[in-house]
Amino acid sequence: MTSEAPSWADQWGTGGIGEMPEEDNTKSAGGKKSSKTKAKIVDFISFKWMKNLVHKKKTKETNS
């Protein structure tokens, strides 16, 4: 049975259906931050929050 639909490679390979141009993720003069910078900030905040949470839990256990 032959299918008339495009193959996976046709859809998702280079130059496939709906190919989008690459975005420029560099910092522009308008003050926009790149996605890598945003990810680093979120990672740092998450790490700091987790560290404080563990510290509070340990101090609560030792005081009980």
N, C-alpha and C. Protein backbone atom coordinates (compact mmCIF):
# COMPACT_ATOMS: atom_id res chain seq x y z
N MET A 1 0.84 -1.17 0.00
CA MET A 1 0.00 0.00 0.00
C MET A 1 0.89 1.23 0.00
N THR A 2 0.75 2.07 -0.97
CA THR A 2 1.56 3.25 -1.12
C THR A 2 0.81 4.47 -0.58
N SER A 3 1.55 5.29 0.13
CA SER A 3 0.95 6.48 0.72
C SER A 3 1.37 7.71 -0.07
N GLU A 4 0.46 8.65 -0.22
CA GLU A 4 0.75 9.89 -0.93
C GLU A 4 1.23 10.98 0.02
N ALA A 5 1.23 10.72 1.31
CA ALA A 5 1.67 11.71 2.30
C ALA A 5 3.19 11.84 2.26
N PRO A 6 3.70 13.00 2.62
CA PRO A 6 5.16 13.17 2.65
C PRO A 6 5.78 12.33 3.75
N SER A 7 7.01 11.91 3.52
CA SER A 7 7.70 11.09 4.51
C SER A 7 8.16 11.96 5.68
N TRP A 8 8.63 11.28 6.74
CA TRP A 8 9.13 11.99 7.91
C TRP A 8 10.27 12.92 7.52
N ALA A 9 11.19 12.43 6.70
CA ALA A 9 12.34 13.23 6.27
C ALA A 9 11.89 14.45 5.48
N ASP A 10 10.84 14.31 4.68
CA ASP A 10 10.35 15.45 3.91
C ASP A 10 9.75 16.52 4.83
N GLN A 11 9.09 16.08 5.89
CA GLN A 11 8.43 17.02 6.81
C GLN A 11 9.41 17.68 7.76
N TRP A 12 10.35 16.91 8.33
CA TRP A 12 11.18 17.42 9.41
C TRP A 12 12.65 17.60 9.04
N GLY A 13 13.05 17.17 7.88
CA GLY A 13 14.44 17.32 7.46
C GLY A 13 14.72 18.74 7.03
N THR A 14 15.92 19.00 6.60
CA THR A 14 16.32 20.33 6.15
C THR A 14 15.47 20.74 4.97
N GLY A 15 14.87 21.91 5.07
CA GLY A 15 14.07 22.44 3.97
C GLY A 15 12.73 21.76 3.83
N GLY A 16 12.22 21.16 4.90
CA GLY A 16 10.94 20.46 4.84
C GLY A 16 9.76 21.41 4.85
N ILE A 17 8.60 20.85 5.05
CA ILE A 17 7.36 21.63 5.07
C ILE A 17 7.40 22.62 6.22
N GLY A 18 7.08 23.86 5.97
CA GLY A 18 7.00 24.88 7.00
C GLY A 18 8.33 25.26 7.61
N GLU A 19 9.38 25.21 6.83
CA GLU A 19 10.70 25.56 7.35
C GLU A 19 10.70 27.01 7.81
N MET A 20 11.23 27.23 9.02
CA MET A 20 11.28 28.57 9.58
C MET A 20 12.72 29.07 9.56
N PRO A 21 12.92 30.36 9.33
CA PRO A 21 14.28 30.90 9.36
C PRO A 21 14.82 30.90 10.78
N GLU A 22 16.15 30.81 10.90
CA GLU A 22 16.77 30.82 12.22
C GLU A 22 16.63 32.19 12.85
N GLU A 23 16.43 32.20 14.19
CA GLU A 23 16.29 33.45 14.91
C GLU A 23 17.65 33.93 15.40
N ASP A 24 17.78 35.22 15.52
CA ASP A 24 19.00 35.79 16.06
C ASP A 24 18.82 35.96 17.56
N ASN A 25 19.57 35.18 18.36
CA ASN A 25 19.43 35.20 19.80
C ASN A 25 20.47 36.06 20.50
N THR A 26 21.05 37.00 19.80
CA THR A 26 22.06 37.85 20.42
C THR A 26 21.39 39.03 21.09
N LYS A 27 22.12 39.65 22.01
CA LYS A 27 21.59 40.80 22.73
C LYS A 27 21.56 41.99 21.78
N SER A 28 20.41 42.63 21.72
CA SER A 28 20.28 43.77 20.82
C SER A 28 20.45 45.08 21.59
N ALA A 29 20.47 46.18 20.89
CA ALA A 29 20.65 47.49 21.50
C ALA A 29 19.45 47.86 22.37
N GLY A 30 18.32 47.22 22.16
CA GLY A 30 17.12 47.51 22.91
C GLY A 30 17.12 46.95 24.32
N GLY A 31 18.16 46.24 24.71
CA GLY A 31 18.25 45.71 26.06
C GLY A 31 17.64 44.32 26.22
N LYS A 32 17.33 43.65 25.14
CA LYS A 32 16.78 42.30 25.23
C LYS A 32 17.89 41.32 25.58
N LYS A 33 17.58 40.36 26.43
CA LYS A 33 18.57 39.36 26.82
C LYS A 33 18.38 38.10 25.99
N SER A 34 19.47 37.42 25.73
CA SER A 34 19.39 36.19 24.96
C SER A 34 18.76 35.10 25.81
N SER A 35 18.32 34.05 25.18
CA SER A 35 17.68 32.95 25.90
C SER A 35 18.66 32.24 26.82
N LYS A 36 19.94 32.21 26.46
CA LYS A 36 20.95 31.59 27.33
C LYS A 36 21.10 32.38 28.63
N THR A 37 21.10 33.70 28.52
CA THR A 37 21.22 34.54 29.70
C THR A 37 20.01 34.36 30.61
N LYS A 38 18.83 34.32 30.01
CA LYS A 38 17.61 34.10 30.80
C LYS A 38 17.66 32.75 31.50
N ALA A 39 18.12 31.73 30.81
CA ALA A 39 18.20 30.40 31.39
C ALA A 39 19.18 30.37 32.56
N LYS A 40 20.29 31.07 32.43
CA LYS A 40 21.27 31.13 33.52
C LYS A 40 20.68 31.83 34.73
N ILE A 41 19.93 32.89 34.52
CA ILE A 41 19.31 33.62 35.63
C ILE A 41 18.29 32.74 36.34
N VAL A 42 17.44 32.07 35.58
CA VAL A 42 16.44 31.18 36.17
C VAL A 42 17.11 30.04 36.92
N ASP A 43 18.18 29.50 36.36
CA ASP A 43 18.91 28.42 37.01
C ASP A 43 19.49 28.89 38.34
N PHE A 44 20.08 30.07 38.36
CA PHE A 44 20.67 30.62 39.58
C PHE A 44 19.60 30.85 40.65
N ILE A 45 18.48 31.44 40.25
CA ILE A 45 17.40 31.71 41.20
C ILE A 45 16.83 30.40 41.75
N SER A 46 16.65 29.41 40.90
CA SER A 46 16.12 28.11 41.33
C SER A 46 17.08 27.44 42.30
N PHE A 47 18.38 27.50 42.02
CA PHE A 47 19.38 26.89 42.89
C PHE A 47 19.37 27.56 44.25
N LYS A 48 19.33 28.89 44.26
CA LYS A 48 19.33 29.65 45.50
C LYS A 48 18.07 29.33 46.33
N TRP A 49 16.91 29.24 45.67
CA TRP A 49 15.66 28.92 46.34
C TRP A 49 15.73 27.53 46.96
N MET A 50 16.24 26.55 46.22
CA MET A 50 16.34 25.18 46.72
C MET A 50 17.31 25.11 47.90
N LYS A 51 18.42 25.81 47.80
CA LYS A 51 19.40 25.83 48.89
C LYS A 51 18.78 26.39 50.16
N ASN A 52 18.04 27.48 50.05
CA ASN A 52 17.38 28.07 51.21
C ASN A 52 16.32 27.14 51.78
N LEU A 53 15.60 26.46 50.92
CA LEU A 53 14.56 25.52 51.37
C LEU A 53 15.17 24.38 52.18
N VAL A 54 16.25 23.82 51.71
CA VAL A 54 16.93 22.73 52.43
C VAL A 54 17.49 23.25 53.74
N HIS A 55 18.07 24.44 53.72
CA HIS A 55 18.64 25.02 54.94
C HIS A 55 17.54 25.22 56.00
N LYS A 56 16.38 25.72 55.59
CA LYS A 56 15.28 25.93 56.53
C LYS A 56 14.80 24.60 57.09
N LYS A 57 14.73 23.58 56.24
CA LYS A 57 14.27 22.27 56.68
C LYS A 57 15.25 21.68 57.70
N LYS A 58 16.55 21.82 57.46
CA LYS A 58 17.55 21.28 58.38
C LYS A 58 17.51 22.00 59.71
N THR A 59 17.38 23.33 59.71
CA THR A 59 17.33 24.07 60.95
C THR A 59 16.06 23.75 61.72
N LYS A 60 14.97 23.50 61.05
CA LYS A 60 13.71 23.14 61.69
C LYS A 60 13.84 21.79 62.36
N GLU A 61 14.50 20.83 61.70
CA GLU A 61 14.69 19.48 62.26
C GLU A 61 15.61 19.51 63.48
N THR A 62 16.65 20.34 63.46
CA THR A 62 17.58 20.39 64.57
C THR A 62 16.99 21.11 65.78
N ASN A 63 16.07 22.04 65.55
CA ASN A 63 15.43 22.77 66.65
C ASN A 63 14.32 21.95 67.31
N SER A 64 13.80 20.95 66.65
CA SER A 64 12.68 20.17 67.19
C SER A 64 13.14 19.18 68.21
